[in-house]
N, C-alpha and C. Protein backbone atom coordinates (compact mmCIF):
# COMPACT_ATOMS: atom_id res chain seq x y z
N MET A 1 2.41 -14.03 10.65
CA MET A 1 2.00 -14.66 12.08
C MET A 1 0.46 -14.25 11.77
N THR A 2 -0.32 -14.80 12.89
CA THR A 2 -1.73 -14.97 12.82
C THR A 2 -2.22 -14.15 13.97
N ILE A 3 -3.17 -13.12 13.45
CA ILE A 3 -3.94 -12.22 14.48
C ILE A 3 -5.42 -12.22 14.34
N ARG A 4 -6.28 -11.76 15.22
CA ARG A 4 -7.66 -11.58 14.95
C ARG A 4 -7.98 -10.25 14.80
N VAL A 5 -8.78 -9.88 13.52
CA VAL A 5 -9.09 -8.53 13.26
C VAL A 5 -11.01 -8.68 13.15
N ASN A 6 -11.34 -8.01 14.19
CA ASN A 6 -12.80 -7.94 14.13
C ASN A 6 -13.40 -9.34 14.02
N GLY A 7 -12.90 -10.33 14.84
CA GLY A 7 -13.22 -11.76 14.80
C GLY A 7 -12.95 -12.54 13.84
N GLU A 8 -12.16 -12.16 12.87
CA GLU A 8 -11.52 -12.74 11.90
C GLU A 8 -10.10 -13.10 11.82
N THR A 9 -9.93 -14.05 11.52
CA THR A 9 -8.15 -14.70 11.38
C THR A 9 -7.62 -13.87 10.25
N THR A 10 -6.27 -13.44 10.46
CA THR A 10 -5.50 -12.80 9.48
C THR A 10 -4.20 -12.87 9.54
N GLU A 11 -3.24 -12.73 8.67
CA GLU A 11 -2.12 -12.74 8.70
C GLU A 11 -1.38 -11.31 8.68
N CYS A 12 -0.36 -11.10 9.42
CA CYS A 12 0.52 -9.82 9.49
C CYS A 12 1.80 -10.28 9.24
N ALA A 13 2.74 -9.32 9.13
CA ALA A 13 4.44 -9.40 9.17
C ALA A 13 4.60 -9.47 10.74
N ASP A 14 5.59 -10.20 11.13
CA ASP A 14 6.20 -10.21 12.16
C ASP A 14 6.87 -8.63 12.72
N GLY A 15 6.62 -8.57 13.93
CA GLY A 15 6.93 -7.14 14.47
C GLY A 15 6.29 -6.00 13.76
N GLN A 16 5.44 -5.93 12.98
CA GLN A 16 4.62 -5.04 12.40
C GLN A 16 3.83 -4.21 13.43
N THR A 17 4.01 -2.87 13.30
CA THR A 17 3.26 -1.95 14.13
C THR A 17 1.84 -1.83 13.92
N LEU A 18 1.15 -1.56 14.89
CA LEU A 18 -0.48 -1.30 14.45
C LEU A 18 -0.66 -0.27 13.44
N LEU A 19 0.25 0.86 13.49
CA LEU A 19 0.40 1.86 12.57
C LEU A 19 0.49 1.49 11.07
N GLU A 20 1.78 0.51 10.68
CA GLU A 20 2.07 -0.24 9.67
C GLU A 20 0.82 -0.98 9.28
N PHE A 21 0.12 -1.83 10.23
CA PHE A 21 -1.00 -2.66 9.92
C PHE A 21 -1.78 -1.98 9.36
N LEU A 22 -2.42 -0.81 10.04
CA LEU A 22 -3.52 -0.09 9.43
C LEU A 22 -3.14 0.41 8.10
N GLU A 23 -2.16 1.18 7.89
CA GLU A 23 -1.74 1.84 6.73
C GLU A 23 -1.60 0.69 5.51
N GLY A 24 -1.30 -0.49 5.89
CA GLY A 24 -1.05 -1.43 4.89
C GLY A 24 -2.18 -1.73 4.21
N ARG A 25 -3.52 -1.41 5.25
CA ARG A 25 -4.89 -1.85 4.56
C ARG A 25 -5.54 -0.89 4.20
N GLY A 26 -4.84 0.29 4.08
CA GLY A 26 -5.61 1.42 3.47
C GLY A 26 -6.45 2.30 4.21
N LEU A 27 -6.36 1.94 5.80
CA LEU A 27 -6.98 2.79 6.54
C LEU A 27 -6.55 4.07 6.98
N ASN A 28 -7.30 4.91 7.31
CA ASN A 28 -6.79 6.46 7.70
C ASN A 28 -6.80 6.46 9.18
N VAL A 29 -5.90 6.63 9.87
CA VAL A 29 -5.36 6.21 11.09
C VAL A 29 -6.41 7.10 12.11
N ARG A 30 -6.47 8.54 11.55
CA ARG A 30 -7.44 9.46 12.13
C ARG A 30 -9.13 9.16 12.03
N SER A 31 -9.30 8.35 11.49
CA SER A 31 -10.87 7.96 11.13
C SER A 31 -11.09 6.76 11.79
N VAL A 32 -10.13 5.94 12.53
CA VAL A 32 -10.40 4.84 12.98
C VAL A 32 -10.24 4.58 14.58
N VAL A 33 -11.00 3.77 15.38
CA VAL A 33 -10.63 3.56 16.56
C VAL A 33 -10.08 2.25 16.78
N VAL A 34 -9.06 1.92 17.40
CA VAL A 34 -8.31 0.51 17.42
C VAL A 34 -8.37 0.02 18.90
N GLU A 35 -9.12 -1.14 19.20
CA GLU A 35 -8.81 -1.86 20.38
C GLU A 35 -8.12 -2.96 20.14
N HIS A 36 -6.69 -3.01 21.09
CA HIS A 36 -5.70 -3.78 21.09
C HIS A 36 -5.80 -4.96 22.27
N ASN A 37 -6.23 -5.94 22.29
CA ASN A 37 -6.37 -7.13 23.23
C ASN A 37 -7.01 -6.09 24.44
N ARG A 38 -8.43 -5.82 24.19
CA ARG A 38 -9.18 -5.16 24.93
C ARG A 38 -8.69 -3.80 25.51
N SER A 39 -7.79 -3.04 24.93
CA SER A 39 -7.37 -1.81 25.36
C SER A 39 -7.45 -0.67 24.34
N ILE A 40 -8.20 0.25 24.35
CA ILE A 40 -8.03 1.39 23.43
C ILE A 40 -6.73 1.84 22.97
N VAL A 41 -6.25 2.00 21.88
CA VAL A 41 -5.11 2.66 21.51
C VAL A 41 -5.17 3.90 21.11
N VAL A 42 -4.59 5.00 21.70
CA VAL A 42 -4.88 6.35 20.95
C VAL A 42 -3.97 6.47 19.73
N ALA A 43 -4.36 7.31 18.85
CA ALA A 43 -3.99 7.32 17.65
C ALA A 43 -2.28 7.68 17.67
N ASP A 44 -1.93 8.49 18.71
CA ASP A 44 -0.59 8.76 18.76
C ASP A 44 0.24 7.68 19.12
N ASP A 45 -0.18 6.62 19.59
CA ASP A 45 0.65 5.37 20.31
C ASP A 45 0.63 4.47 19.11
N LEU A 46 -0.09 4.57 18.00
CA LEU A 46 0.03 3.24 17.00
C LEU A 46 1.19 2.85 16.64
N GLY A 47 2.11 3.49 16.20
CA GLY A 47 3.39 3.61 15.98
C GLY A 47 4.30 2.89 16.93
N SER A 48 4.12 3.04 17.94
CA SER A 48 4.75 2.06 19.14
C SER A 48 4.18 0.85 19.71
N VAL A 49 3.12 0.57 19.19
CA VAL A 49 2.64 -0.85 19.40
C VAL A 49 2.86 -1.69 18.30
N ARG A 50 3.66 -3.14 18.89
CA ARG A 50 3.95 -4.05 17.89
C ARG A 50 2.98 -5.13 18.10
N LEU A 51 2.53 -5.74 17.13
CA LEU A 51 1.68 -6.87 17.11
C LEU A 51 2.54 -8.15 17.16
N VAL A 52 2.25 -9.11 18.04
CA VAL A 52 2.52 -10.52 18.14
C VAL A 52 1.46 -11.51 17.88
N ALA A 53 2.01 -12.64 17.53
CA ALA A 53 0.98 -13.44 17.06
C ALA A 53 -0.31 -13.74 18.34
N GLY A 54 -1.25 -13.71 17.73
CA GLY A 54 -2.51 -14.08 19.02
C GLY A 54 -3.17 -12.75 19.38
N ASP A 55 -2.57 -11.62 18.70
CA ASP A 55 -3.13 -10.43 19.16
C ASP A 55 -4.74 -10.15 18.80
N GLU A 56 -5.51 -9.78 19.34
CA GLU A 56 -6.84 -9.37 18.90
C GLU A 56 -7.28 -8.23 18.80
N LEU A 57 -7.62 -7.52 17.48
CA LEU A 57 -7.83 -6.16 17.29
C LEU A 57 -9.33 -6.29 16.94
N GLU A 58 -9.80 -5.11 17.36
CA GLU A 58 -11.32 -4.34 17.12
C GLU A 58 -10.92 -3.12 16.26
N ILE A 59 -11.31 -2.95 15.17
CA ILE A 59 -11.26 -1.87 14.45
C ILE A 59 -12.49 -1.18 14.07
N LEU A 60 -12.68 0.21 14.60
CA LEU A 60 -14.28 0.78 14.49
C LEU A 60 -13.87 2.06 13.51
N HIS A 61 -14.78 2.33 12.43
CA HIS A 61 -14.59 3.36 11.55
C HIS A 61 -15.83 4.37 12.08
N PHE A 62 -15.03 5.52 11.90
CA PHE A 62 -15.83 6.66 11.96
C PHE A 62 -16.62 6.95 10.71
N VAL A 63 -17.98 7.26 10.65
CA VAL A 63 -18.75 7.46 9.35
C VAL A 63 -19.46 8.66 9.47
N GLY A 64 -19.20 9.75 8.47
CA GLY A 64 -20.19 10.87 8.74
C GLY A 64 -21.29 10.69 7.87
N GLY A 65 -22.82 11.68 8.28
CA GLY A 65 -23.55 11.56 7.43
C GLY A 65 -24.82 12.56 8.27
N GLY A 66 -25.63 12.39 7.33
CA GLY A 66 -26.81 13.20 7.91
C GLY A 66 -28.12 13.19 7.20
């Protein structure tokens, strides 16, 4: 199915959770913030949110430095 991630169209499996989607892309779920359809999803809820066609995600990465 088709969803939008950071403004770009991408494909994902039907019924996939946010956690599965992020891990499938090699992302550390403890170092990103996810906005799902304009709502922030806390890390503990990533496994319970199922993606559906047309969903919009914004994924922000934390970067350390100094």
